[in-house]
C-alpha atoms as a PDB file:
ATOM      1  CA  MET A   1       7.647 -30.023  22.301  1.00  0.00           C
ATOM      2  CA  ASP A   2       7.858 -33.335  22.020  1.00  0.00           C
ATOM      3  CA  THR A   3       7.431 -34.231  26.145  1.00  0.00           C
ATOM      4  CA  GLN A   4       7.119 -37.829  25.890  1.00  0.00           C
ATOM      5  CA  GLN A   5      10.714 -38.081  24.186  1.00  0.00           C
ATOM      6  CA  VAL A   6      12.240 -35.932  26.365  1.00  0.00           C
ATOM      7  CA  ARG A   7      11.169 -38.003  29.614  1.00  0.00           C
ATOM      8  CA  GLY A   8      12.474 -41.062  27.637  1.00  0.00           C
ATOM      9  CA  ALA A   9      16.097 -39.531  27.016  1.00  0.00           C
ATOM     10  CA  SER A  10      18.547 -41.280  29.034  1.00  0.00           C
ATOM     11  CA  ALA A  11      19.623 -39.460  32.527  1.00  0.00           C
ATOM     12  CA  VAL A  12      23.220 -38.680  33.089  1.00  0.00           C
ATOM     13  CA  PRO A  13      24.728 -41.518  35.786  1.00  0.00           C
ATOM     14  CA  ALA A  14      25.188 -40.410  39.426  1.00  0.00           C
ATOM     15  CA  ARG A  15      28.891 -39.866  38.890  1.00  0.00           C
ATOM     16  CA  HIS A  16      28.161 -37.207  36.288  1.00  0.00           C
ATOM     17  CA  PRO A  17      27.105 -34.285  38.742  1.00  0.00           C
ATOM     18  CA  ALA A  18      26.090 -31.007  36.913  1.00  0.00           C
ATOM     19  CA  PRO A  19      29.215 -28.821  37.643  1.00  0.00           C
ATOM     20  CA  PRO A  20      28.715 -24.672  38.315  1.00  0.00           C
ATOM     21  CA  ARG A  21      28.080 -22.671  36.058  1.00  0.00           C
ATOM     22  CA  PRO A  22      30.523 -19.872  34.519  1.00  0.00           C
ATOM     23  CA  ASP A  23      30.148 -16.458  36.390  1.00  0.00           C
ATOM     24  CA  ARG A  24      28.903 -15.453  32.520  1.00  0.00           C
ATOM     25  CA  VAL A  25      27.160 -17.518  29.900  1.00  0.00           C
ATOM     26  CA  HIS A  26      27.179 -16.921  26.450  1.00  0.00           C
ATOM     27  CA  ILE A  27      25.408 -19.314  24.307  1.00  0.00           C
ATOM     28  CA  ILE A  28      25.909 -20.050  20.829  1.00  0.00           C
ATOM     29  CA  ASN A  29      22.825 -21.982  19.710  1.00  0.00           C
ATOM     30  CA  GLY A  30      22.938 -23.584  16.197  1.00  0.00           C
ATOM     31  CA  LEU A  31      20.157 -25.342  15.999  1.00  0.00           C
ATOM     32  CA  PRO A  32      17.667 -24.091  12.781  1.00  0.00           C
ATOM     33  CA  LEU A  33      14.504 -23.171  14.986  1.00  0.00           C
ATOM     34  CA  THR A  34      10.893 -21.611  14.230  1.00  0.00           C
ATOM     35  CA  ALA A  35      10.510 -18.116  15.641  1.00  0.00           C
ATOM     36  CA  ILE A  36       8.281 -20.169  18.651  1.00  0.00           C
ATOM     37  CA  GLU A  37      11.492 -22.546  19.213  1.00  0.00           C
ATOM     38  CA  ARG A  38      13.617 -19.475  19.810  1.00  0.00           C
ATOM     39  CA  LYS A  39      11.090 -17.739  21.997  1.00  0.00           C
ATOM     40  CA  ARG A  40      11.245 -21.136  24.300  1.00  0.00           C
ATOM     41  CA  PHE A  41      15.134 -21.371  24.438  1.00  0.00           C
ATOM     42  CA  GLU A  42      15.337 -17.409  25.195  1.00  0.00           C
ATOM     43  CA  ARG A  43      12.719 -18.200  28.055  1.00  0.00           C
ATOM     44  CA  ALA A  44      15.003 -20.734  28.989  1.00  0.00           C
ATOM     45  CA  ALA A  45      18.060 -18.885  29.306  1.00  0.00           C
ATOM     46  CA  ASP A  46      16.476 -15.810  30.230  1.00  0.00           C
ATOM     47  CA  GLY A  47      18.642 -12.893  30.586  1.00  0.00           C
ATOM     48  CA  VAL A  48      22.024 -14.417  29.295  1.00  0.00           C
ATOM     49  CA  ASP A  49      23.520 -13.896  26.305  1.00  0.00           C
ATOM     50  CA  GLN A  50      22.293 -16.312  23.483  1.00  0.00           C
ATOM     51  CA  ARG A  51      23.129 -15.717  19.719  1.00  0.00           C
ATOM     52  CA  PHE A  52      21.238 -17.726  17.160  1.00  0.00           C
ATOM     53  CA  ILE A  53      23.194 -18.338  14.304  1.00  0.00           C
ATOM     54  CA  THR A  54      21.616 -20.726  11.963  1.00  0.00           C
ATOM     55  CA  ASP A  55      18.850 -20.388   9.249  1.00  0.00           C
ATOM     56  CA  PRO A  56      15.782 -21.853   9.906  1.00  0.00           C
ATOM     57  CA  SER A  57      15.097 -22.743   6.201  1.00  0.00           C
ATOM     58  CA  THR A  58      17.804 -25.118   6.646  1.00  0.00           C
ATOM     59  CA  ARG A  59      15.757 -27.624   9.189  1.00  0.00           C
ATOM     60  CA  ASP A  60      15.011 -29.884   6.397  1.00  0.00           C
ATOM     61  CA  ASN A  61      18.458 -30.584   5.831  1.00  0.00           C
ATOM     62  CA  ASP A  62      19.907 -34.270   6.632  1.00  0.00           C
ATOM     63  CA  VAL A  63      22.683 -33.319   8.678  1.00  0.00           C
ATOM     64  CA  TRP A  64      22.278 -30.167  11.152  1.00  0.00           C
ATOM     65  CA  GLY A  65      25.799 -28.649  10.807  1.00  0.00           C
ATOM     66  CA  VAL A  66      27.154 -25.589  11.674  1.00  0.00           C
ATOM     67  CA  GLU A  67      30.356 -23.156  11.360  1.00  0.00           C
ATOM     68  CA  LEU A  68      30.955 -21.410  14.112  1.00  0.00           C
ATOM     69  CA  PRO A  69      31.697 -17.572  13.464  1.00  0.00           C
ATOM     70  CA  MET A  70      35.397 -16.562  14.608  1.00  0.00           C
ATOM     71  CA  GLY A  71      34.778 -13.905  16.631  1.00  0.00           C
ATOM     72  CA  MET A  72      32.441 -16.145  18.765  1.00  0.00           C
ATOM     73  CA  ARG A  73      34.811 -18.917  19.396  1.00  0.00           C
ATOM     74  CA  ASP A  74      36.826 -17.308  22.229  1.00  0.00           C
ATOM     75  CA  GLU A  75      33.765 -16.093  24.244  1.00  0.00           C
ATOM     76  CA  ALA A  76      31.491 -19.244  23.863  1.00  0.00           C
ATOM     77  CA  THR A  77      30.832 -20.845  26.737  1.00  0.00           C
ATOM     78  CA  VAL A  78      27.762 -23.485  25.711  1.00  0.00           C
ATOM     79  CA  ILE A  79      27.242 -24.494  22.366  1.00  0.00           C
ATOM     80  CA  ILE A  80      24.243 -26.108  20.837  1.00  0.00           C
ATOM     81  CA  GLY A  81      24.709 -28.041  17.688  1.00  0.00           C
ATOM     82  CA  ASN A  82      27.409 -29.775  15.919  1.00  0.00           C
ATOM     83  CA  PRO A  83      30.271 -27.601  14.510  1.00  0.00           C
ATOM     84  CA  PRO A  84      33.053 -29.332  13.027  1.00  0.00           C
ATOM     85  CA  PRO A  85      35.398 -30.656  15.801  1.00  0.00           C
ATOM     86  CA  GLU A  86      38.301 -28.342  14.914  1.00  0.00           C
ATOM     87  CA  GLN A  87      35.952 -25.407  15.470  1.00  0.00           C
ATOM     88  CA  VAL A  88      35.208 -26.159  19.304  1.00  0.00           C
ATOM     89  CA  ALA A  89      38.580 -26.753  19.617  1.00  0.00           C
ATOM     90  CA  ASP A  90      39.164 -22.754  19.243  1.00  0.00           C
ATOM     91  CA  CYS A  91      36.481 -22.099  22.096  1.00  0.00           C
ATOM     92  CA  ARG A  92      38.714 -21.621  25.344  1.00  0.00           C
ATOM     93  CA  HIS A  93      35.838 -21.481  27.811  1.00  0.00           C
ATOM     94  CA  LEU A  94      33.571 -23.749  26.595  1.00  0.00           C
ATOM     95  CA  ALA A  95      31.950 -25.534  29.360  1.00  0.00           C
ATOM     96  CA  TRP A  96      29.162 -27.386  27.703  1.00  0.00           C
ATOM     97  CA  LEU A  97      28.007 -28.794  24.194  1.00  0.00           C
ATOM     98  CA  GLN A  98      25.181 -30.192  23.427  1.00  0.00           C
ATOM     99  CA  THR A  99      24.960 -32.168  19.788  1.00  0.00           C
ATOM    100  CA  ALA A 100      22.014 -32.449  17.483  1.00  0.00           C
ATOM    101  CA  SER A 101      22.853 -35.830  16.891  1.00  0.00           C
ATOM    102  CA  ALA A 102      22.885 -38.845  19.101  1.00  0.00           C
ATOM    103  CA  GLY A 103      26.537 -39.907  18.497  1.00  0.00           C
ATOM    104  CA  VAL A 104      28.990 -37.650  19.694  1.00  0.00           C
ATOM    105  CA  ASN A 105      32.128 -39.437  19.148  1.00  0.00           C
ATOM    106  CA  ALA A 106      33.863 -36.918  16.878  1.00  0.00           C
ATOM    107  CA  TYR A 107      33.989 -34.771  19.784  1.00  0.00           C
ATOM    108  CA  GLU A 108      35.611 -37.051  22.119  1.00  0.00           C
ATOM    109  CA  SER A 109      39.051 -37.139  20.657  1.00  0.00           C
ATOM    110  CA  ASP A 110      42.215 -35.156  22.719  1.00  0.00           C
ATOM    111  CA  GLY A 111      42.164 -32.046  22.290  1.00  0.00           C
ATOM    112  CA  VAL A 112      38.672 -31.224  20.795  1.00  0.00           C
ATOM    113  CA  LEU A 113      37.153 -29.979  24.058  1.00  0.00           C
ATOM    114  CA  PRO A 114      38.597 -28.129  26.748  1.00  0.00           C
ATOM    115  CA  ALA A 115      39.590 -30.058  30.310  1.00  0.00           C
ATOM    116  CA  GLY A 116      36.201 -30.218  32.384  1.00  0.00           C
ATOM    117  CA  ALA A 117      34.014 -29.396  29.604  1.00  0.00           C
ATOM    118  CA  MET A 118      30.516 -31.383  29.522  1.00  0.00           C
ATOM    119  CA  LEU A 119      29.410 -33.201  26.562  1.00  0.00           C
ATOM    120  CA  SER A 120      25.598 -34.506  26.299  1.00  0.00           C
ATOM    121  CA  GLY A 121      23.647 -35.841  22.943  1.00  0.00           C
ATOM    122  CA  ALA A 122      20.441 -36.191  21.132  1.00  0.00           C
ATOM    123  CA  SER A 123      19.956 -39.946  21.913  1.00  0.00           C
ATOM    124  CA  GLY A 124      16.174 -40.761  22.050  1.00  0.00           C
ATOM    125  CA  ALA A 125      14.946 -38.540  19.423  1.00  0.00           C
ATOM    126  CA  LEU A 126      16.077 -41.008  16.750  1.00  0.00           C
ATOM    127  CA  GLY A 127      14.431 -44.470  17.527  1.00  0.00           C
ATOM    128  CA  GLN A 128      11.221 -44.450  15.358  1.00  0.00           C
ATOM    129  CA  SER A 129      13.181 -43.238  12.412  1.00  0.00           C
ATOM    130  CA  VAL A 130      16.083 -45.659  12.133  1.00  0.00           C
ATOM    131  CA  SER A 131      14.132 -48.825  13.440  1.00  0.00           C
ATOM    132  CA  GLU A 132      11.172 -48.041  10.505  1.00  0.00           C
ATOM    133  CA  HIS A 133      14.526 -47.653   8.317  1.00  0.00           C
ATOM    134  CA  MET A 134      15.883 -50.703   9.324  1.00  0.00           C
ATOM    135  CA  PHE A 135      12.628 -52.715   9.218  1.00  0.00           C
ATOM    136  CA  ALA A 136      11.911 -51.558   5.637  1.00  0.00           C
ATOM    137  CA  MET A 137      15.022 -53.352   4.773  1.00  0.00           C
ATOM    138  CA  MET A 138      14.667 -56.384   6.612  1.00  0.00           C
ATOM    139  CA  TRP A 139      11.211 -56.950   4.691  1.00  0.00           C
ATOM    140  CA  SER A 140      12.463 -55.684   1.109  1.00  0.00           C
ATOM    141  CA  LEU A 141      15.645 -57.917   1.476  1.00  0.00           C
ATOM    142  CA  MET A 142      13.547 -61.238   3.026  1.00  0.00           C
ATOM    143  CA  LYS A 143      10.963 -60.264  -0.243  1.00  0.00           C
ATOM    144  CA  ARG A 144      13.771 -60.048  -2.684  1.00  0.00           C
ATOM    145  CA  LEU A 145      12.805 -56.583  -3.674  1.00  0.00           C
ATOM    146  CA  PRO A 146      15.772 -54.916  -4.568  1.00  0.00           C
ATOM    147  CA  ARG A 147      16.625 -57.801  -7.090  1.00  0.00           C
ATOM    148  CA  TYR A 148      13.127 -57.649  -8.477  1.00  0.00           C
ATOM    149  CA  ARG A 149      13.783 -53.843  -9.270  1.00  0.00           C
ATOM    150  CA  ASP A 150      16.721 -54.979 -10.818  1.00  0.00           C
ATOM    151  CA  LEU A 151      14.956 -57.055 -13.406  1.00  0.00           C
ATOM    152  CA  GLN A 152      12.369 -54.468 -13.776  1.00  0.00           C
ATOM    153  CA  GLY A 153      15.307 -52.180 -15.105  1.00  0.00           C
ATOM    154  CA  ARG A 154      16.043 -54.792 -17.421  1.00  0.00           C
ATOM    155  CA  SER A 155      12.987 -55.564 -18.410  1.00  0.00           C
ATOM    156  CA  ARG A 156      12.851 -58.757 -17.295  1.00  0.00           C
ATOM    157  CA  TRP A 157       9.471 -60.767 -16.146  1.00  0.00           C
ATOM    158  CA  GLU A 158      11.323 -63.575 -13.712  1.00  0.00           C
ATOM    159  CA  GLY A 159      10.942 -65.235 -10.296  1.00  0.00           C
ATOM    160  CA  LEU A 160      13.436 -65.765  -8.253  1.00  0.00           C
ATOM    161  CA  GLY A 161      12.103 -68.197  -6.061  1.00  0.00           C
ATOM    162  CA  ARG A 162      10.958 -68.482  -2.493  1.00  0.00           C
ATOM    163  CA  SER A 163      11.372 -65.906   0.166  1.00  0.00           C
ATOM    164  CA  LEU A 164      11.425 -65.482   3.970  1.00  0.00           C
ATOM    165  CA  SER A 165       8.818 -63.812   6.350  1.00  0.00           C
ATOM    166  CA  PRO A 166       9.605 -62.608   9.978  1.00  0.00           C
ATOM    167  CA  VAL A 167       6.582 -65.017  11.466  1.00  0.00           C
ATOM    168  CA  GLY A 168       8.858 -67.232  13.893  1.00  0.00           C
ATOM    169  CA  ALA A 169      12.118 -65.565  13.049  1.00  0.00           C
ATOM    170  CA  LYS A 170      14.656 -65.022  15.749  1.00  0.00           C
ATOM    171  CA  VAL A 171      16.256 -61.391  15.465  1.00  0.00           C
ATOM    172  CA  LEU A 172      19.686 -61.216  17.001  1.00  0.00           C
ATOM    173  CA  LEU A 173      19.864 -57.553  18.731  1.00  0.00           C
ATOM    174  CA  LEU A 174      23.425 -56.376  18.506  1.00  0.00           C
ATOM    175  CA  GLY A 175      22.689 -53.061  20.651  1.00  0.00           C
ATOM    176  CA  THR A 176      19.743 -52.577  22.883  1.00  0.00           C
ATOM    177  CA  GLY A 177      19.367 -49.131  23.358  1.00  0.00           C
ATOM    178  CA  ASP A 178      17.350 -46.743  22.380  1.00  0.00           C
ATOM    179  CA  LEU A 179      17.490 -47.870  18.450  1.00  0.00           C
ATOM    180  CA  GLY A 180      17.317 -51.556  19.105  1.00  0.00           C
ATOM    181  CA  SER A 181      14.547 -51.412  21.448  1.00  0.00           C
ATOM    182  CA  HIS A 182      12.490 -49.343  18.857  1.00  0.00           C
ATOM    183  CA  PHE A 183      13.518 -52.025  16.227  1.00  0.00           C
ATOM    184  CA  ALA A 184      12.672 -54.963  18.651  1.00  0.00           C
ATOM    185  CA  ARG A 185       8.850 -53.821  19.217  1.00  0.00           C
ATOM    186  CA  LEU A 186       8.713 -53.272  15.604  1.00  0.00           C
ATOM    187  CA  VAL A 187       9.617 -56.532  14.770  1.00  0.00           C
ATOM    188  CA  LYS A 188       7.630 -58.465  17.425  1.00  0.00           C
ATOM    189  CA  SER A 189       4.662 -57.184  16.501  1.00  0.00           C
ATOM    190  CA  VAL A 190       4.674 -58.932  13.191  1.00  0.00           C
ATOM    191  CA  GLY A 191       5.501 -62.330  14.897  1.00  0.00           C
ATOM    192  CA  ALA A 192       9.393 -62.325  15.355  1.00  0.00           C
ATOM    193  CA  ARG A 193      11.259 -63.499  18.582  1.00  0.00           C
ATOM    194  CA  THR A 194      14.029 -60.760  20.082  1.00  0.00           C
ATOM    195  CA  ILE A 195      16.901 -62.017  21.294  1.00  0.00           C
ATOM    196  CA  GLY A 196      19.123 -59.219  22.930  1.00  0.00           C
ATOM    197  CA  VAL A 197      23.022 -59.119  23.485  1.00  0.00           C
ATOM    198  CA  ARG A 198      24.677 -56.320  25.778  1.00  0.00           C
ATOM    199  CA  ARG A 199      27.267 -55.602  27.870  1.00  0.00           C
ATOM    200  CA  ASP A 200      25.132 -56.040  31.211  1.00  0.00           C
ATOM    201  CA  SER A 201      22.915 -59.077  30.284  1.00  0.00           C
ATOM    202  CA  HIS A 202      21.254 -58.319  33.582  1.00  0.00           C
ATOM    203  CA  LYS A 203      19.774 -55.802  32.594  1.00  0.00           C
ATOM    204  CA  PRO A 204      16.516 -55.278  30.273  1.00  0.00           C
ATOM    205  CA  ALA A 205      14.771 -53.819  27.360  1.00  0.00           C
ATOM    206  CA  VAL A 206      11.910 -52.679  26.194  1.00  0.00           C
ATOM    207  CA  GLY A 207      10.877 -55.593  23.371  1.00  0.00           C
ATOM    208  CA  VAL A 208      13.663 -57.536  24.220  1.00  0.00           C
ATOM    209  CA  ASP A 209      12.426 -61.487  24.736  1.00  0.00           C
ATOM    210  CA  GLU A 210      15.953 -62.397  26.159  1.00  0.00           C
ATOM    211  CA  MET A 211      19.272 -61.043  26.793  1.00  0.00           C
ATOM    212  CA  HIS A 212      22.398 -62.102  26.767  1.00  0.00           C
ATOM    213  CA  GLY A 213      25.873 -60.998  27.112  1.00  0.00           C
ATOM    214  CA  PHE A 214      28.931 -60.690  24.243  1.00  0.00           C
ATOM    215  CA  GLY A 215      30.882 -63.740  25.596  1.00  0.00           C
ATOM    216  CA  GLU A 216      27.914 -65.734  24.111  1.00  0.00           C
ATOM    217  CA  LEU A 217      27.634 -64.172  20.808  1.00  0.00           C
ATOM    218  CA  ASP A 218      29.490 -67.463  18.977  1.00  0.00           C
ATOM    219  CA  HIS A 219      26.348 -69.635  20.106  1.00  0.00           C
ATOM    220  CA  LEU A 220      23.679 -67.203  19.407  1.00  0.00           C
ATOM    221  CA  LEU A 221      24.602 -66.251  15.685  1.00  0.00           C
ATOM    222  CA  PRO A 222      24.728 -69.702  14.537  1.00  0.00           C
ATOM    223  CA  ASP A 223      20.385 -69.592  15.388  1.00  0.00           C
ATOM    224  CA  ALA A 224      19.895 -66.251  13.676  1.00  0.00           C
ATOM    225  CA  ASP A 225      17.443 -65.181  11.320  1.00  0.00           C
ATOM    226  CA  VAL A 226      17.991 -61.542  11.527  1.00  0.00           C
ATOM    227  CA  VAL A 227      21.454 -59.930  12.796  1.00  0.00           C
ATOM    228  CA  ALA A 228      20.502 -56.292  13.601  1.00  0.00           C
ATOM    229  CA  MET A 229      23.122 -53.665  14.800  1.00  0.00           C
ATOM    230  CA  THR A 230      22.880 -50.482  16.279  1.00  0.00           C
ATOM    231  CA  LEU A 231      26.096 -50.549  18.307  1.00  0.00           C
ATOM    232  CA  PRO A 232      27.708 -47.344  19.300  1.00  0.00           C
ATOM    233  CA  ALA A 233      31.580 -46.659  17.992  1.00  0.00           C
ATOM    234  CA  ALA A 234      33.859 -48.582  20.822  1.00  0.00           C
ATOM    235  CA  ALA A 235      37.015 -50.326  20.140  1.00  0.00           C
ATOM    236  CA  ASN A 236      35.700 -53.165  21.253  1.00  0.00           C
ATOM    237  CA  THR A 237      32.914 -53.329  18.883  1.00  0.00           C
ATOM    238  CA  HIS A 238      35.377 -52.412  15.521  1.00  0.00           C
ATOM    239  CA  HIS A 239      34.664 -55.126  12.872  1.00  0.00           C
ATOM    240  CA  LEU A 240      32.448 -57.100  15.451  1.00  0.00           C
ATOM    241  CA  MET A 241      31.175 -58.800  12.565  1.00  0.00           C
ATOM    242  CA  ASP A 242      34.632 -60.308  10.800  1.00  0.00           C
ATOM    243  CA  ALA A 243      35.038 -62.671   8.781  1.00  0.00           C
ATOM    244  CA  HIS A 244      34.832 -65.199  11.851  1.00  0.00           C
ATOM    245  CA  HIS A 245      31.323 -64.295  13.306  1.00  0.00           C
ATOM    246  CA  LEU A 246      30.017 -63.729   9.263  1.00  0.00           C
ATOM    247  CA  ALA A 247      30.584 -67.601   8.884  1.00  0.00           C
ATOM    248  CA  LEU A 248      28.708 -68.471  11.925  1.00  0.00           C
ATOM    249  CA  LEU A 249      25.545 -67.511  10.397  1.00  0.00           C
ATOM    250  CA  LYS A 250      23.101 -69.904   8.552  1.00  0.00           C
ATOM    251  CA  SER A 251      22.367 -69.346   4.739  1.00  0.00           C
ATOM    252  CA  THR A 252      19.133 -67.792   5.081  1.00  0.00           C
ATOM    253  CA  ALA A 253      20.342 -64.893   7.721  1.00  0.00           C
ATOM    254  CA  ILE A 254      20.001 -61.517   7.014  1.00  0.00           C
ATOM    255  CA  LEU A 255      22.533 -59.194   8.002  1.00  0.00           C
ATOM    256  CA  ILE A 256      21.120 -54.985   9.073  1.00  0.00           C
ATOM    257  CA  ASN A 257      23.652 -52.583  10.479  1.00  0.00           C
ATOM    258  CA  ALA A 258      22.304 -48.815  11.566  1.00  0.00           C
ATOM    259  CA  GLY A 259      24.627 -47.939  14.093  1.00  0.00           C
ATOM    260  CA  ARG A 260      28.600 -47.231  13.188  1.00  0.00           C
ATOM    261  CA  GLY A 261      29.945 -48.930   9.950  1.00  0.00           C
ATOM    262  CA  ASP A 262      32.920 -49.850  11.535  1.00  0.00           C
ATOM    263  CA  ALA A 263      31.246 -52.442  13.267  1.00  0.00           C
ATOM    264  CA  VAL A 264      30.923 -54.842  10.209  1.00  0.00           C
ATOM    265  CA  ASP A 265      33.832 -55.333   8.324  1.00  0.00           C
ATOM    266  CA  CYS A 266      32.929 -54.365   4.818  1.00  0.00           C
ATOM    267  CA  GLN A 267      35.519 -56.974   2.959  1.00  0.00           C
ATOM    268  CA  ALA A 268      34.477 -59.697   4.408  1.00  0.00           C
ATOM    269  CA  LEU A 269      30.850 -58.888   4.025  1.00  0.00           C
ATOM    270  CA  ALA A 270      31.552 -58.683   0.431  1.00  0.00           C
ATOM    271  CA  THR A 271      32.880 -62.071   0.271  1.00  0.00           C
ATOM    272  CA  CYS A 272      30.528 -63.738   2.142  1.00  0.00           C
ATOM    273  CA  LEU A 273      27.564 -62.392  -0.223  1.00  0.00           C
ATOM    274  CA  GLU A 274      29.595 -63.124  -3.469  1.00  0.00           C
ATOM    275  CA  GLN A 275      29.997 -66.623  -1.925  1.00  0.00           C
ATOM    276  CA  GLY A 276      26.429 -67.082  -0.954  1.00  0.00           C
ATOM    277  CA  ARG A 277      26.769 -67.785   2.356  1.00  0.00           C
ATOM    278  CA  ILE A 278      24.128 -65.603   3.702  1.00  0.00           C
ATOM    279  CA  TRP A 279      20.771 -64.076   2.351  1.00  0.00           C
ATOM    280  CA  GLY A 280      21.791 -60.838   2.371  1.00  0.00           C
ATOM    281  CA  ALA A 281      22.617 -57.363   4.019  1.00  0.00           C
ATOM    282  CA  GLY A 282      21.502 -54.229   4.254  1.00  0.00           C
ATOM    283  CA  LEU A 283      23.494 -51.045   5.287  1.00  0.00           C
ATOM    284  CA  ASP A 284      22.920 -47.837   6.349  1.00  0.00           C
ATOM    285  CA  VAL A 285      26.387 -47.317   7.361  1.00  0.00           C
ATOM    286  CA  THR A 286      29.488 -48.645   5.995  1.00  0.00           C
ATOM    287  CA  GLU A 287      33.258 -48.607   6.676  1.00  0.00           C
ATOM    288  CA  PRO A 288      34.328 -45.938   4.994  1.00  0.00           C
ATOM    289  CA  GLU A 289      31.724 -43.980   4.275  1.00  0.00           C
ATOM    290  CA  PRO A 290      31.386 -43.342   1.404  1.00  0.00           C
ATOM    291  CA  LEU A 291      32.736 -46.952   0.502  1.00  0.00           C
ATOM    292  CA  PRO A 292      35.260 -46.255  -2.612  1.00  0.00           C
ATOM    293  CA  PRO A 293      33.793 -46.525  -6.039  1.00  0.00           C
ATOM    294  CA  GLY A 294      35.327 -49.913  -6.647  1.00  0.00           C
ATOM    295  CA  HIS A 295      34.349 -51.467  -3.540  1.00  0.00           C
ATOM    296  CA  PRO A 296      32.288 -54.829  -4.319  1.00  0.00           C
ATOM    297  CA  LEU A 297      29.645 -54.391  -2.322  1.00  0.00           C
ATOM    298  CA  TRP A 298      28.554 -51.467  -4.527  1.00  0.00           C
ATOM    299  CA  LYS A 299      27.528 -53.997  -7.473  1.00  0.00           C
ATOM    300  CA  GLN A 300      26.485 -56.873  -4.811  1.00  0.00           C
ATOM    301  CA  GLU A 301      22.835 -57.643  -5.493  1.00  0.00           C
ATOM    302  CA  ARG A 302      22.599 -59.397  -2.067  1.00  0.00           C
ATOM    303  CA  CYS A 303      23.253 -55.751  -0.519  1.00  0.00           C
ATOM    304  CA  GLN A 304      21.181 -53.018  -0.150  1.00  0.00           C
ATOM    305  CA  ILE A 305      23.118 -49.648   0.892  1.00  0.00           C
ATOM    306  CA  THR A 306      21.631 -46.410   1.833  1.00  0.00           C
ATOM    307  CA  PRO A 307      23.648 -43.230   2.321  1.00  0.00           C
ATOM    308  CA  HIS A 308      23.882 -42.904   6.021  1.00  0.00           C
ATOM    309  CA  VAL A 309      19.949 -41.481   5.616  1.00  0.00           C
ATOM    310  CA  ALA A 310      18.185 -43.292   8.673  1.00  0.00           C
ATOM    311  CA  GLY A 311      18.444 -41.328  11.502  1.00  0.00           C
ATOM    312  CA  GLY A 312      18.972 -37.202  11.434  1.00  0.00           C
ATOM    313  CA  THR A 313      16.090 -35.417  10.002  1.00  0.00           C
ATOM    314  CA  ASN A 314      14.519 -38.346   8.077  1.00  0.00           C
ATOM    315  CA  LEU A 315      11.237 -37.615   9.773  1.00  0.00           C
ATOM    316  CA  ALA A 316      10.195 -33.920  10.690  1.00  0.00           C
ATOM    317  CA  VAL A 317       9.335 -35.500  14.174  1.00  0.00           C
ATOM    318  CA  ASN A 318      13.068 -36.463  14.417  1.00  0.00           C
ATOM    319  CA  ALA A 319      13.737 -32.698  14.333  1.00  0.00           C
ATOM    320  CA  ASP A 320      11.347 -31.921  16.951  1.00  0.00           C
ATOM    321  CA  ARG A 321      12.221 -34.236  19.160  1.00  0.00           C
ATOM    322  CA  ILE A 322      16.342 -33.133  18.910  1.00  0.00           C
ATOM    323  CA  VAL A 323      15.153 -29.651  19.398  1.00  0.00           C
ATOM    324  CA  ALA A 324      12.924 -30.947  22.708  1.00  0.00           C
ATOM    325  CA  ILE A 325      15.776 -33.077  24.007  1.00  0.00           C
ATOM    326  CA  ALA A 326      18.163 -29.913  23.531  1.00  0.00           C
ATOM    327  CA  LEU A 327      16.216 -27.111  25.398  1.00  0.00           C
ATOM    328  CA  GLU A 328      15.510 -29.589  28.032  1.00  0.00           C
ATOM    329  CA  ASN A 329      18.888 -29.485  28.661  1.00  0.00           C
ATOM    330  CA  LEU A 330      19.231 -26.050  28.657  1.00  0.00           C
ATOM    331  CA  GLN A 331      16.531 -25.677  31.431  1.00  0.00           C
ATOM    332  CA  ARG A 332      18.531 -28.012  33.666  1.00  0.00           C
ATOM    333  CA  TYR A 333      22.013 -26.805  32.635  1.00  0.00           C
ATOM    334  CA  MET A 334      20.656 -23.062  33.762  1.00  0.00           C
ATOM    335  CA  GLU A 335      18.894 -24.647  36.718  1.00  0.00           C
ATOM    336  CA  GLY A 336      21.827 -26.836  37.837  1.00  0.00           C
ATOM    337  CA  ARG A 337      20.698 -30.002  37.454  1.00  0.00           C
ATOM    338  CA  PRO A 338      22.202 -32.877  35.919  1.00  0.00           C
ATOM    339  CA  LEU A 339      21.820 -33.102  32.152  1.00  0.00           C
ATOM    340  CA  ARG A 340      20.024 -35.915  29.868  1.00  0.00           C
ATOM    341  CA  ASN A 341      22.141 -38.003  27.801  1.00  0.00           C
ATOM    342  CA  ARG A 342      25.543 -36.720  29.283  1.00  0.00           C
ATOM    343  CA  VAL A 343      28.525 -38.559  28.219  1.00  0.00           C
ATOM    344  CA  ARG A 344      31.768 -36.722  29.920  1.00  0.00           C
END
């Protein structure tokens, strides 16, 4: 178990005390666990009906989705994993869903969870892999590597002019949670200055040199050399980087998005890149996903796109951390203690 990562997972706010457990607990565990890990989960819920429904061979899959057997849905009180929301809606007695993903918005829609059911995620498990992916995108765009790769494919030996460096760069972090904080530490290690933007500008974050509120965004964007986005899905972040905000960026600015795809207006970004108004963009998430075949970003040489692979089980250690967070929360649940990463 990665105890260090579990300790770093965000604790549930005081407004979310642990409610009483149902008299009868039936756990459906959809994580692809090793034999040793299964024993740990069995010990954590000793004497409770716990059914393991996922083949351990799927552990290296990018997405840990799980299908809930029809016969188990009516009796399930706890689900660990990421079943389809429409299957969760069939679980009338569900008291708690622990996802294997940091994002839980798919389960927050009306009618998915029963009234009073708890929902918690795996926030804290993916900071390393997502931030490293963003870091690699930033470097490759600064050094024009995607465009040099395009030239290589055409057997062309041709220089593309000056490149950029993170040394002395101002990196604007839109989102300063686990992902943003990890990325901040990486860019600081190579000489950048980090400026964070979050709802509560008085709340610090590891690796962030100074913090501001979203109301200051128009004043911060023109000085940014890199804009790194790790925002969760929310109504007030939809198309945050729209045509207006993109127009505020300098011509040498780089935009990286590894949070939620709809935080960037991809059509406006395509126009911005086509007109050469910013240096480049790296997207691990898009709106929609995937982009339709004719979308202009597919062929935009200034844009680097990866298919939402920065997190998940991109690194083997991610799987270990997801399992560790779920195991600790199961222990907390059985002991009647507040859950970590609880969102409702």
